[in-house]
Amino acid sequence: MEGLCPIGSVLREILPKTSGKAVEYREGAPVPPVHLVVLEPCQRGDRYDAWPSLIGLTCQPVESAMLDPQLVSFDAQEALLLKMPFDLNDLFLAIERFPRGAVRLFRHPGLNLLWHYKDFVVSSHPNPGMKRAIDRRVHSGFSELANLMDRPREFSENLIERIILSLYPGLCHSQTDSLEALISELARSHSNHVPLETFLLQIQGFFERTQYDRRNLALQAAYFGPMAEVQAALGAERSTRLVGKFQQLHQSLSRELQQLEAAGERFLTHQKNPNQVFEASLRAAQELGALLDDWDKLKRRVSHDAKGPFD
């Protein structure tokens, strides 16, 4: 259980009596545990990369909590939220029936909104509480799209563009400590024939200084599948090609960064030929450059409000 709350001591007594049922909903294979998370006390800095399964306790109405970026700072494949205070029988039933009623949550606020907007639009019994929560979230965080909310295809296309634009600004061009600048510096150092000891330190520095960006890229790779699902559900044709193009660019960059990491690790461990590190850094720089070029095109197109197909 994460987070401190007055019911913590009670839960510690009662959960052992029911927790076995929480992990028996899939047959034939071991499953990860279902985490119980009190959302409000979780500090903003406590970012969880992924929870396969969780039951979240919140003081907000469930629909609002699902879209609140102050509470949802993690990815969850299956999440079931309960509003506090609640009857303990509600918790028993949630554990026994999990994952019935569970939803996906995304730590990216735009993708989280996109996904739940899609679920609301395609629902045969739309929840009025979710409609109100979506309205509030759009007006508070994406007010420029408020006039498109009744046009699902256009709303999702525009939101997908903004999601992609939000993924890569820290990687690029002008920043001396950006991933692009640091890869270029690594390649130039080898080309300039720096001493071996200096090159070792530069490789170590590169991996330390780019750890956050490389971790984020790995996490963001999982966002393209859900965007494609929304496209298919809402007929968002304009962004179909856009998502496919950036997914391919993202995968190529991730693959080359993995190769660079492997080459750097071999060199740091065994002091193999530094040419391998140079070649891997050059390939990664080229893939990053290709991604940022198309990202710049999208940024210019959105800033000029062009509606033509992405080239």
C-alpha atoms as a PDB file:
ATOM      1  CA  MET A   1       0.000   0.000   0.000  1.00  0.00           C
ATOM      2  CA  GLU A   2       1.369   3.390  -0.999  1.00  0.00           C
ATOM      3  CA  GLY A   3       0.603   6.622   0.817  1.00  0.00           C
ATOM      4  CA  LEU A   4      -0.378   7.216   4.439  1.00  0.00           C
ATOM      5  CA  CYS A   5      -3.997   7.670   5.436  1.00  0.00           C
ATOM      6  CA  PRO A   6      -6.220   7.095   8.500  1.00  0.00           C
ATOM      7  CA  ILE A   7      -7.572   3.843   7.074  1.00  0.00           C
ATOM      8  CA  GLY A   8      -4.088   2.371   6.696  1.00  0.00           C
ATOM      9  CA  SER A   9      -4.142   0.365   9.930  1.00  0.00           C
ATOM     10  CA  VAL A  10      -7.600  -1.012   9.143  1.00  0.00           C
ATOM     11  CA  LEU A  11      -6.567  -2.092   5.673  1.00  0.00           C
ATOM     12  CA  ARG A  12      -3.505  -3.883   6.998  1.00  0.00           C
ATOM     13  CA  GLU A  13      -5.835  -6.010   9.117  1.00  0.00           C
ATOM     14  CA  ILE A  14      -8.468  -6.818   6.517  1.00  0.00           C
ATOM     15  CA  LEU A  15      -6.541  -7.101   3.260  1.00  0.00           C
ATOM     16  CA  PRO A  16      -4.804 -10.407   4.075  1.00  0.00           C
ATOM     17  CA  LYS A  17      -8.278 -11.978   4.248  1.00  0.00           C
ATOM     18  CA  THR A  18      -9.109 -10.965   0.685  1.00  0.00           C
ATOM     19  CA  SER A  19      -5.823 -10.389  -1.150  1.00  0.00           C
ATOM     20  CA  GLY A  20      -5.680 -13.929  -2.525  1.00  0.00           C
ATOM     21  CA  LYS A  21      -8.718 -13.226  -4.667  1.00  0.00           C
ATOM     22  CA  ALA A  22      -7.088 -10.122  -6.108  1.00  0.00           C
ATOM     23  CA  VAL A  23      -4.576 -12.161  -8.072  1.00  0.00           C
ATOM     24  CA  GLU A  24      -6.756 -15.036  -9.263  1.00  0.00           C
ATOM     25  CA  TYR A  25      -8.694 -13.307 -12.012  1.00  0.00           C
ATOM     26  CA  ARG A  26      -6.458 -14.696 -14.771  1.00  0.00           C
ATOM     27  CA  GLU A  27      -6.221 -18.436 -15.260  1.00  0.00           C
ATOM     28  CA  GLY A  28      -3.192 -20.533 -15.900  1.00  0.00           C
ATOM     29  CA  ALA A  29      -0.327 -18.064 -15.414  1.00  0.00           C
ATOM     30  CA  PRO A  30       1.295 -16.162 -12.558  1.00  0.00           C
ATOM     31  CA  VAL A  31       0.178 -12.541 -12.400  1.00  0.00           C
ATOM     32  CA  PRO A  32       1.654  -9.392 -10.876  1.00  0.00           C
ATOM     33  CA  PRO A  33       0.161  -8.134  -7.618  1.00  0.00           C
ATOM     34  CA  VAL A  34      -2.640  -5.621  -7.495  1.00  0.00           C
ATOM     35  CA  HIS A  35      -1.313  -2.514  -5.761  1.00  0.00           C
ATOM     36  CA  LEU A  36      -3.433  -0.409  -3.440  1.00  0.00           C
ATOM     37  CA  VAL A  37      -2.510   3.265  -3.834  1.00  0.00           C
ATOM     38  CA  VAL A  38      -3.815   6.275  -1.928  1.00  0.00           C
ATOM     39  CA  LEU A  39      -3.439   8.853  -4.676  1.00  0.00           C
ATOM     40  CA  GLU A  40      -3.613  12.173  -2.820  1.00  0.00           C
ATOM     41  CA  PRO A  41      -0.583  11.703  -0.501  1.00  0.00           C
ATOM     42  CA  CYS A  42       1.654  10.582  -3.369  1.00  0.00           C
ATOM     43  CA  GLN A  43       4.017  13.485  -3.963  1.00  0.00           C
ATOM     44  CA  ARG A  44       4.346  14.825  -7.494  1.00  0.00           C
ATOM     45  CA  GLY A  45       7.995  13.763  -7.550  1.00  0.00           C
ATOM     46  CA  ASP A  46       7.127  10.149  -6.768  1.00  0.00           C
ATOM     47  CA  ARG A  47       6.708   9.134 -10.392  1.00  0.00           C
ATOM     48  CA  TYR A  48       5.968   5.480 -10.953  1.00  0.00           C
ATOM     49  CA  ASP A  49       6.876   4.307 -14.425  1.00  0.00           C
ATOM     50  CA  ALA A  50       4.194   1.653 -14.621  1.00  0.00           C
ATOM     51  CA  TRP A  51       1.704  -0.193 -12.451  1.00  0.00           C
ATOM     52  CA  PRO A  52       0.368  -3.289 -14.204  1.00  0.00           C
ATOM     53  CA  SER A  53      -2.643  -3.327 -11.867  1.00  0.00           C
ATOM     54  CA  LEU A  54      -3.832  -1.027  -9.101  1.00  0.00           C
ATOM     55  CA  ILE A  55      -6.778   0.030  -7.012  1.00  0.00           C
ATOM     56  CA  GLY A  56      -6.508   3.766  -6.394  1.00  0.00           C
ATOM     57  CA  LEU A  57      -8.186   5.515  -3.457  1.00  0.00           C
ATOM     58  CA  THR A  58      -9.022   9.171  -3.973  1.00  0.00           C
ATOM     59  CA  CYS A  59     -10.907  12.033  -2.320  1.00  0.00           C
ATOM     60  CA  GLN A  60     -12.094  13.317  -5.699  1.00  0.00           C
ATOM     61  CA  PRO A  61     -14.980  12.027  -7.775  1.00  0.00           C
ATOM     62  CA  VAL A  62     -13.592   9.060  -9.675  1.00  0.00           C
ATOM     63  CA  GLU A  63     -14.047  10.643 -13.106  1.00  0.00           C
ATOM     64  CA  SER A  64     -12.134  13.793 -12.119  1.00  0.00           C
ATOM     65  CA  ALA A  65      -9.358  11.795 -10.465  1.00  0.00           C
ATOM     66  CA  MET A  66      -8.823   9.750 -13.643  1.00  0.00           C
ATOM     67  CA  LEU A  67      -7.992  12.942 -15.562  1.00  0.00           C
ATOM     68  CA  ASP A  68      -6.109  14.854 -12.843  1.00  0.00           C
ATOM     69  CA  PRO A  69      -2.416  15.154 -13.807  1.00  0.00           C
ATOM     70  CA  GLN A  70      -1.556  15.857 -10.162  1.00  0.00           C
ATOM     71  CA  LEU A  71      -2.781  12.374  -9.242  1.00  0.00           C
ATOM     72  CA  VAL A  72      -2.015  10.340 -12.368  1.00  0.00           C
ATOM     73  CA  SER A  73       1.761  10.477 -12.676  1.00  0.00           C
ATOM     74  CA  PHE A  74       2.175   6.845 -13.738  1.00  0.00           C
ATOM     75  CA  ASP A  75       1.080   4.412 -16.432  1.00  0.00           C
ATOM     76  CA  ALA A  76      -1.342   1.660 -15.440  1.00  0.00           C
ATOM     77  CA  GLN A  77      -2.711  -1.093 -17.645  1.00  0.00           C
ATOM     78  CA  GLU A  78      -5.599  -1.775 -15.250  1.00  0.00           C
ATOM     79  CA  ALA A  79      -6.725   0.778 -12.685  1.00  0.00           C
ATOM     80  CA  LEU A  80      -9.859   0.847 -10.597  1.00  0.00           C
ATOM     81  CA  LEU A  81     -10.512   4.001  -8.553  1.00  0.00           C
ATOM     82  CA  LEU A  82     -12.625   4.257  -5.405  1.00  0.00           C
ATOM     83  CA  LYS A  83     -13.756   7.544  -3.865  1.00  0.00           C
ATOM     84  CA  MET A  84     -13.036   8.001  -0.169  1.00  0.00           C
ATOM     85  CA  PRO A  85     -14.763   7.620   2.195  1.00  0.00           C
ATOM     86  CA  PHE A  86     -16.232   4.304   1.124  1.00  0.00           C
ATOM     87  CA  ASP A  87     -17.902   1.302   2.673  1.00  0.00           C
ATOM     88  CA  LEU A  88     -15.367  -1.461   3.289  1.00  0.00           C
ATOM     89  CA  ASN A  89     -17.652  -3.820   1.389  1.00  0.00           C
ATOM     90  CA  ASP A  90     -16.980  -1.687  -1.691  1.00  0.00           C
ATOM     91  CA  LEU A  91     -13.273  -2.385  -1.300  1.00  0.00           C
ATOM     92  CA  PHE A  92     -13.891  -6.103  -0.765  1.00  0.00           C
ATOM     93  CA  LEU A  93     -15.981  -6.248  -3.924  1.00  0.00           C
ATOM     94  CA  ALA A  94     -13.405  -4.270  -5.910  1.00  0.00           C
ATOM     95  CA  ILE A  95     -10.674  -6.707  -4.899  1.00  0.00           C
ATOM     96  CA  GLU A  96     -12.807  -9.781  -5.542  1.00  0.00           C
ATOM     97  CA  ARG A  97     -13.992  -8.607  -8.953  1.00  0.00           C
ATOM     98  CA  PHE A  98     -10.814  -6.933 -10.175  1.00  0.00           C
ATOM     99  CA  PRO A  99     -10.195  -6.095 -13.022  1.00  0.00           C
ATOM    100  CA  ARG A 100     -13.905  -5.693 -13.806  1.00  0.00           C
ATOM    101  CA  GLY A 101     -14.501  -1.995 -14.367  1.00  0.00           C
ATOM    102  CA  ALA A 102     -10.793  -1.164 -14.565  1.00  0.00           C
ATOM    103  CA  VAL A 103      -9.471   1.452 -17.005  1.00  0.00           C
ATOM    104  CA  ARG A 104      -6.105   2.412 -18.461  1.00  0.00           C
ATOM    105  CA  LEU A 105      -4.241   5.418 -17.099  1.00  0.00           C
ATOM    106  CA  PHE A 106      -1.342   7.269 -18.733  1.00  0.00           C
ATOM    107  CA  ARG A 107       1.151   9.541 -17.026  1.00  0.00           C
ATOM    108  CA  HIS A 108       1.075  11.824 -20.096  1.00  0.00           C
ATOM    109  CA  PRO A 109      -1.866  14.205 -19.410  1.00  0.00           C
ATOM    110  CA  GLY A 110      -2.736  14.657 -23.092  1.00  0.00           C
ATOM    111  CA  LEU A 111      -2.741  10.944 -23.860  1.00  0.00           C
ATOM    112  CA  ASN A 112      -4.719  10.235 -20.699  1.00  0.00           C
ATOM    113  CA  LEU A 113      -7.361  12.758 -21.779  1.00  0.00           C
ATOM    114  CA  LEU A 114      -7.383  11.413 -25.347  1.00  0.00           C
ATOM    115  CA  TRP A 115      -7.925   7.839 -24.193  1.00  0.00           C
ATOM    116  CA  HIS A 116     -10.799   8.598 -21.823  1.00  0.00           C
ATOM    117  CA  TYR A 117     -12.399  10.987 -24.302  1.00  0.00           C
ATOM    118  CA  LYS A 118     -12.397   8.119 -26.816  1.00  0.00           C
ATOM    119  CA  ASP A 119     -13.902   5.725 -24.256  1.00  0.00           C
ATOM    120  CA  PHE A 120     -16.646   8.254 -23.512  1.00  0.00           C
ATOM    121  CA  VAL A 121     -17.441   8.868 -27.176  1.00  0.00           C
ATOM    122  CA  VAL A 122     -17.697   5.197 -28.132  1.00  0.00           C
ATOM    123  CA  SER A 123     -19.606   4.165 -24.985  1.00  0.00           C
ATOM    124  CA  SER A 124     -23.159   2.933 -25.482  1.00  0.00           C
ATOM    125  CA  HIS A 125     -24.012   4.327 -22.034  1.00  0.00           C
ATOM    126  CA  PRO A 126     -21.896   7.489 -21.623  1.00  0.00           C
ATOM    127  CA  ASN A 127     -21.321   8.594 -18.047  1.00  0.00           C
ATOM    128  CA  PRO A 128     -22.491  12.187 -17.390  1.00  0.00           C
ATOM    129  CA  GLY A 129     -19.838  12.515 -14.668  1.00  0.00           C
ATOM    130  CA  MET A 130     -17.121  11.702 -17.187  1.00  0.00           C
ATOM    131  CA  LYS A 131     -18.560  14.266 -19.608  1.00  0.00           C
ATOM    132  CA  ARG A 132     -18.272  16.956 -16.918  1.00  0.00           C
ATOM    133  CA  ALA A 133     -14.748  15.818 -15.998  1.00  0.00           C
ATOM    134  CA  ILE A 134     -13.632  15.895 -19.648  1.00  0.00           C
ATOM    135  CA  ASP A 135     -15.124  19.372 -20.095  1.00  0.00           C
ATOM    136  CA  ARG A 136     -13.232  20.679 -17.065  1.00  0.00           C
ATOM    137  CA  ARG A 137      -9.975  19.033 -18.102  1.00  0.00           C
ATOM    138  CA  VAL A 138     -10.145  20.386 -21.650  1.00  0.00           C
ATOM    139  CA  HIS A 139     -10.918  23.934 -20.497  1.00  0.00           C
ATOM    140  CA  SER A 140      -8.162  23.862 -17.864  1.00  0.00           C
ATOM    141  CA  GLY A 141      -5.408  22.298 -19.951  1.00  0.00           C
ATOM    142  CA  PHE A 142      -6.374  22.347 -23.635  1.00  0.00           C
ATOM    143  CA  SER A 143      -8.678  25.349 -23.959  1.00  0.00           C
ATOM    144  CA  GLU A 144      -7.716  25.888 -27.614  1.00  0.00           C
ATOM    145  CA  LEU A 145      -9.525  22.620 -28.425  1.00  0.00           C
ATOM    146  CA  ALA A 146     -12.712  23.332 -26.468  1.00  0.00           C
ATOM    147  CA  ASN A 147     -14.698  24.256 -29.561  1.00  0.00           C
ATOM    148  CA  LEU A 148     -13.919  20.846 -31.123  1.00  0.00           C
ATOM    149  CA  MET A 149     -15.210  18.660 -28.301  1.00  0.00           C
ATOM    150  CA  ASP A 150     -18.421  17.804 -30.144  1.00  0.00           C
ATOM    151  CA  ARG A 151     -16.444  16.760 -33.225  1.00  0.00           C
ATOM    152  CA  PRO A 152     -14.553  13.632 -32.095  1.00  0.00           C
ATOM    153  CA  ARG A 153     -12.472  13.128 -35.230  1.00  0.00           C
ATOM    154  CA  GLU A 154     -11.196  16.714 -35.329  1.00  0.00           C
ATOM    155  CA  PHE A 155     -10.709  16.884 -31.568  1.00  0.00           C
ATOM    156  CA  SER A 156      -8.625  13.691 -31.504  1.00  0.00           C
ATOM    157  CA  GLU A 157      -6.571  14.713 -34.537  1.00  0.00           C
ATOM    158  CA  ASN A 158      -5.655  18.053 -32.986  1.00  0.00           C
ATOM    159  CA  LEU A 159      -4.951  16.536 -29.575  1.00  0.00           C
ATOM    160  CA  ILE A 160      -2.726  13.838 -31.112  1.00  0.00           C
ATOM    161  CA  GLU A 161      -0.684  16.557 -32.824  1.00  0.00           C
ATOM    162  CA  ARG A 162      -0.196  18.317 -29.498  1.00  0.00           C
ATOM    163  CA  ILE A 163       0.778  15.078 -27.774  1.00  0.00           C
ATOM    164  CA  ILE A 164       3.509  14.409 -30.353  1.00  0.00           C
ATOM    165  CA  LEU A 165       4.711  18.005 -30.100  1.00  0.00           C
ATOM    166  CA  SER A 166       5.081  17.564 -26.344  1.00  0.00           C
ATOM    167  CA  LEU A 167       7.370  14.527 -26.579  1.00  0.00           C
ATOM    168  CA  TYR A 168      10.633  15.880 -27.991  1.00  0.00           C
ATOM    169  CA  PRO A 169      11.358  19.545 -27.132  1.00  0.00           C
ATOM    170  CA  GLY A 170      14.027  18.691 -24.563  1.00  0.00           C
ATOM    171  CA  LEU A 171      16.060  16.714 -27.100  1.00  0.00           C
ATOM    172  CA  CYS A 172      16.779  19.368 -29.647  1.00  0.00           C
ATOM    173  CA  HIS A 173      18.979  21.872 -31.347  1.00  0.00           C
ATOM    174  CA  SER A 174      19.739  24.989 -29.324  1.00  0.00           C
ATOM    175  CA  GLN A 175      20.321  23.465 -25.891  1.00  0.00           C
ATOM    176  CA  THR A 176      23.968  22.714 -25.162  1.00  0.00           C
ATOM    177  CA  ASP A 177      23.006  19.875 -22.815  1.00  0.00           C
ATOM    178  CA  SER A 178      20.329  18.369 -25.087  1.00  0.00           C
ATOM    179  CA  LEU A 179      20.559  14.790 -26.305  1.00  0.00           C
ATOM    180  CA  GLU A 180      21.302  16.063 -29.801  1.00  0.00           C
ATOM    181  CA  ALA A 181      24.167  18.277 -28.610  1.00  0.00           C
ATOM    182  CA  LEU A 182      25.673  15.584 -26.382  1.00  0.00           C
ATOM    183  CA  ILE A 183      25.636  12.905 -29.100  1.00  0.00           C
ATOM    184  CA  SER A 184      27.297  15.349 -31.504  1.00  0.00           C
ATOM    185  CA  GLU A 185      29.904  16.204 -28.882  1.00  0.00           C
ATOM    186  CA  LEU A 186      30.650  12.504 -28.348  1.00  0.00           C
ATOM    187  CA  ALA A 187      31.160  11.939 -32.071  1.00  0.00           C
ATOM    188  CA  ARG A 188      33.354  15.039 -32.420  1.00  0.00           C
ATOM    189  CA  SER A 189      35.532  14.028 -29.475  1.00  0.00           C
ATOM    190  CA  HIS A 190      36.477  10.781 -31.147  1.00  0.00           C
ATOM    191  CA  SER A 191      37.022  12.492 -34.496  1.00  0.00           C
ATOM    192  CA  ASN A 192      39.361  14.975 -32.809  1.00  0.00           C
ATOM    193  CA  HIS A 193      41.470  12.114 -31.415  1.00  0.00           C
ATOM    194  CA  VAL A 194      41.146  13.030 -27.743  1.00  0.00           C
ATOM    195  CA  PRO A 195      43.236  10.922 -25.327  1.00  0.00           C
ATOM    196  CA  LEU A 196      41.748   7.561 -24.355  1.00  0.00           C
ATOM    197  CA  GLU A 197      41.272   8.571 -20.714  1.00  0.00           C
ATOM    198  CA  THR A 198      39.375  11.695 -21.776  1.00  0.00           C
ATOM    199  CA  PHE A 199      37.166   9.718 -24.124  1.00  0.00           C
ATOM    200  CA  LEU A 200      36.333   7.266 -21.328  1.00  0.00           C
ATOM    201  CA  LEU A 201      35.196  10.133 -19.108  1.00  0.00           C
ATOM    202  CA  GLN A 202      33.157  11.664 -21.924  1.00  0.00           C
ATOM    203  CA  ILE A 203      31.319   8.399 -22.560  1.00  0.00           C
ATOM    204  CA  GLN A 204      30.541   8.067 -18.859  1.00  0.00           C
ATOM    205  CA  GLY A 205      29.372  11.669 -18.768  1.00  0.00           C
ATOM    206  CA  PHE A 206      27.178  11.164 -21.816  1.00  0.00           C
ATOM    207  CA  PHE A 207      25.278   8.264 -20.247  1.00  0.00           C
ATOM    208  CA  GLU A 208      24.889  10.094 -16.937  1.00  0.00           C
ATOM    209  CA  ARG A 209      23.662  13.339 -18.515  1.00  0.00           C
ATOM    210  CA  THR A 210      21.255  11.671 -20.956  1.00  0.00           C
ATOM    211  CA  GLN A 211      19.784   9.126 -18.536  1.00  0.00           C
ATOM    212  CA  TYR A 212      16.516  11.052 -18.121  1.00  0.00           C
ATOM    213  CA  ASP A 213      15.995  11.598 -21.855  1.00  0.00           C
ATOM    214  CA  ARG A 214      16.780   7.999 -22.755  1.00  0.00           C
ATOM    215  CA  ARG A 215      14.451   6.712 -20.027  1.00  0.00           C
ATOM    216  CA  ASN A 216      11.660   8.985 -21.230  1.00  0.00           C
ATOM    217  CA  LEU A 217      12.085   7.852 -24.821  1.00  0.00           C
ATOM    218  CA  ALA A 218      11.758   4.234 -23.706  1.00  0.00           C
ATOM    219  CA  LEU A 219       8.552   5.019 -21.809  1.00  0.00           C
ATOM    220  CA  GLN A 220       7.100   7.138 -24.616  1.00  0.00           C
ATOM    221  CA  ALA A 221       7.503   4.317 -27.138  1.00  0.00           C
ATOM    222  CA  ALA A 222       4.396   2.747 -25.590  1.00  0.00           C
ATOM    223  CA  TYR A 223       2.220   5.786 -26.405  1.00  0.00           C
ATOM    224  CA  PHE A 224       1.896   5.258 -30.151  1.00  0.00           C
ATOM    225  CA  GLY A 225      -0.188   2.092 -29.884  1.00  0.00           C
ATOM    226  CA  PRO A 226      -2.925   3.785 -27.824  1.00  0.00           C
ATOM    227  CA  MET A 227      -2.935   6.783 -30.191  1.00  0.00           C
ATOM    228  CA  ALA A 228      -3.438   4.400 -33.106  1.00  0.00           C
ATOM    229  CA  GLU A 229      -6.324   2.743 -31.246  1.00  0.00           C
ATOM    230  CA  VAL A 230      -7.993   6.114 -30.779  1.00  0.00           C
ATOM    231  CA  GLN A 231      -7.519   6.879 -34.480  1.00  0.00           C
ATOM    232  CA  ALA A 232      -9.197   3.623 -35.455  1.00  0.00           C
ATOM    233  CA  ALA A 233     -12.088   4.150 -33.041  1.00  0.00           C
ATOM    234  CA  LEU A 234     -12.779   7.769 -34.040  1.00  0.00           C
ATOM    235  CA  GLY A 235     -11.800   7.746 -37.715  1.00  0.00           C
ATOM    236  CA  ALA A 236      -9.023  10.280 -37.209  1.00  0.00           C
ATOM    237  CA  GLU A 237      -7.603   9.974 -40.706  1.00  0.00           C
ATOM    238  CA  ARG A 238      -5.432  13.085 -40.690  1.00  0.00           C
ATOM    239  CA  SER A 239      -3.313  11.870 -37.807  1.00  0.00           C
ATOM    240  CA  THR A 240      -3.070   8.238 -38.919  1.00  0.00           C
ATOM    241  CA  ARG A 241      -0.080   8.886 -41.135  1.00  0.00           C
ATOM    242  CA  LEU A 242       1.379  11.248 -38.550  1.00  0.00           C
ATOM    243  CA  VAL A 243       1.364   8.669 -35.757  1.00  0.00           C
ATOM    244  CA  GLY A 244       2.766   5.964 -38.029  1.00  0.00           C
ATOM    245  CA  LYS A 245       5.593   8.207 -39.182  1.00  0.00           C
ATOM    246  CA  PHE A 246       6.632   9.273 -35.681  1.00  0.00           C
ATOM    247  CA  GLN A 247       6.308   5.759 -34.330  1.00  0.00           C
ATOM    248  CA  GLN A 248       8.778   4.575 -36.962  1.00  0.00           C
ATOM    249  CA  LEU A 249      11.153   7.477 -36.254  1.00  0.00           C
ATOM    250  CA  HIS A 250      10.904   6.881 -32.509  1.00  0.00           C
ATOM    251  CA  GLN A 251      11.602   3.162 -32.867  1.00  0.00           C
ATOM    252  CA  SER A 252      14.618   3.809 -35.099  1.00  0.00           C
ATOM    253  CA  LEU A 253      16.080   6.293 -32.619  1.00  0.00           C
ATOM    254  CA  SER A 254      15.451   3.953 -29.676  1.00  0.00           C
ATOM    255  CA  ARG A 255      17.140   1.094 -31.516  1.00  0.00           C
ATOM    256  CA  GLU A 256      20.248   3.174 -32.290  1.00  0.00           C
ATOM    257  CA  LEU A 257      20.433   4.494 -28.727  1.00  0.00           C
ATOM    258  CA  GLN A 258      20.374   0.906 -27.476  1.00  0.00           C
ATOM    259  CA  GLN A 259      23.214   0.080 -29.857  1.00  0.00           C
ATOM    260  CA  LEU A 260      25.140   3.105 -28.602  1.00  0.00           C
ATOM    261  CA  GLU A 261      24.580   2.071 -25.007  1.00  0.00           C
ATOM    262  CA  ALA A 262      25.796  -1.452 -25.750  1.00  0.00           C
ATOM    263  CA  ALA A 263      28.889  -0.166 -27.574  1.00  0.00           C
ATOM    264  CA  GLY A 264      29.640   2.269 -24.772  1.00  0.00           C
ATOM    265  CA  GLU A 265      29.269  -0.430 -22.139  1.00  0.00           C
ATOM    266  CA  ARG A 266      31.611  -2.762 -24.034  1.00  0.00           C
ATOM    267  CA  PHE A 267      34.167   0.012 -24.380  1.00  0.00           C
ATOM    268  CA  LEU A 268      33.965   1.076 -20.732  1.00  0.00           C
ATOM    269  CA  THR A 269      34.220  -2.520 -19.536  1.00  0.00           C
ATOM    270  CA  HIS A 270      36.808  -3.934 -21.918  1.00  0.00           C
ATOM    271  CA  GLN A 271      38.247  -0.820 -23.610  1.00  0.00           C
ATOM    272  CA  LYS A 272      37.481  -2.183 -27.047  1.00  0.00           C
ATOM    273  CA  ASN A 273      38.003  -0.181 -30.215  1.00  0.00           C
ATOM    274  CA  PRO A 274      36.477   3.306 -29.710  1.00  0.00           C
ATOM    275  CA  ASN A 275      35.432   3.297 -33.383  1.00  0.00           C
ATOM    276  CA  GLN A 276      32.387   1.237 -32.392  1.00  0.00           C
ATOM    277  CA  VAL A 277      31.253   3.983 -30.018  1.00  0.00           C
ATOM    278  CA  PHE A 278      31.847   6.641 -32.651  1.00  0.00           C
ATOM    279  CA  GLU A 279      29.898   4.757 -35.333  1.00  0.00           C
ATOM    280  CA  ALA A 280      27.014   4.066 -32.951  1.00  0.00           C
ATOM    281  CA  SER A 281      26.894   7.702 -31.840  1.00  0.00           C
ATOM    282  CA  LEU A 282      26.885   8.847 -35.461  1.00  0.00           C
ATOM    283  CA  ARG A 283      23.966   6.558 -36.356  1.00  0.00           C
ATOM    284  CA  ALA A 284      22.026   7.672 -33.278  1.00  0.00           C
ATOM    285  CA  ALA A 285      22.679  11.326 -34.144  1.00  0.00           C
ATOM    286  CA  GLN A 286      21.373  10.757 -37.667  1.00  0.00           C
ATOM    287  CA  GLU A 287      18.180   9.098 -36.415  1.00  0.00           C
ATOM    288  CA  LEU A 288      17.637  11.860 -33.863  1.00  0.00           C
ATOM    289  CA  GLY A 289      18.181  14.480 -36.552  1.00  0.00           C
ATOM    290  CA  ALA A 290      15.579  12.840 -38.804  1.00  0.00           C
ATOM    291  CA  LEU A 291      13.036  12.749 -35.981  1.00  0.00           C
ATOM    292  CA  LEU A 292      13.635  16.372 -35.012  1.00  0.00           C
ATOM    293  CA  ASP A 293      13.389  17.540 -38.627  1.00  0.00           C
ATOM    294  CA  ASP A 294       9.898  16.058 -38.937  1.00  0.00           C
ATOM    295  CA  TRP A 295       9.017  17.309 -35.463  1.00  0.00           C
ATOM    296  CA  ASP A 296       9.963  20.826 -36.599  1.00  0.00           C
ATOM    297  CA  LYS A 297       7.760  20.448 -39.684  1.00  0.00           C
ATOM    298  CA  LEU A 298       4.821  19.450 -37.515  1.00  0.00           C
ATOM    299  CA  LYS A 299       5.476  22.341 -35.131  1.00  0.00           C
ATOM    300  CA  ARG A 300       5.505  24.846 -37.996  1.00  0.00           C
ATOM    301  CA  ARG A 301       2.366  23.354 -39.493  1.00  0.00           C
ATOM    302  CA  VAL A 302       0.449  23.470 -36.225  1.00  0.00           C
ATOM    303  CA  SER A 303       1.646  27.001 -35.475  1.00  0.00           C
ATOM    304  CA  HIS A 304       0.334  28.124 -38.881  1.00  0.00           C
ATOM    305  CA  ASP A 305      -2.857  26.084 -38.385  1.00  0.00           C
ATOM    306  CA  ALA A 306      -2.360  24.282 -41.702  1.00  0.00           C
ATOM    307  CA  LYS A 307      -4.874  21.537 -42.298  1.00  0.00           C
ATOM    308  CA  GLY A 308      -3.250  19.658 -45.152  1.00  0.00           C
ATOM    309  CA  PRO A 309      -1.773  16.141 -44.859  1.00  0.00           C
ATOM    310  CA  PHE A 310       1.538  15.730 -43.071  1.00  0.00           C
ATOM    311  CA  ASP A 311       4.465  15.298 -45.485  1.00  0.00           C
END
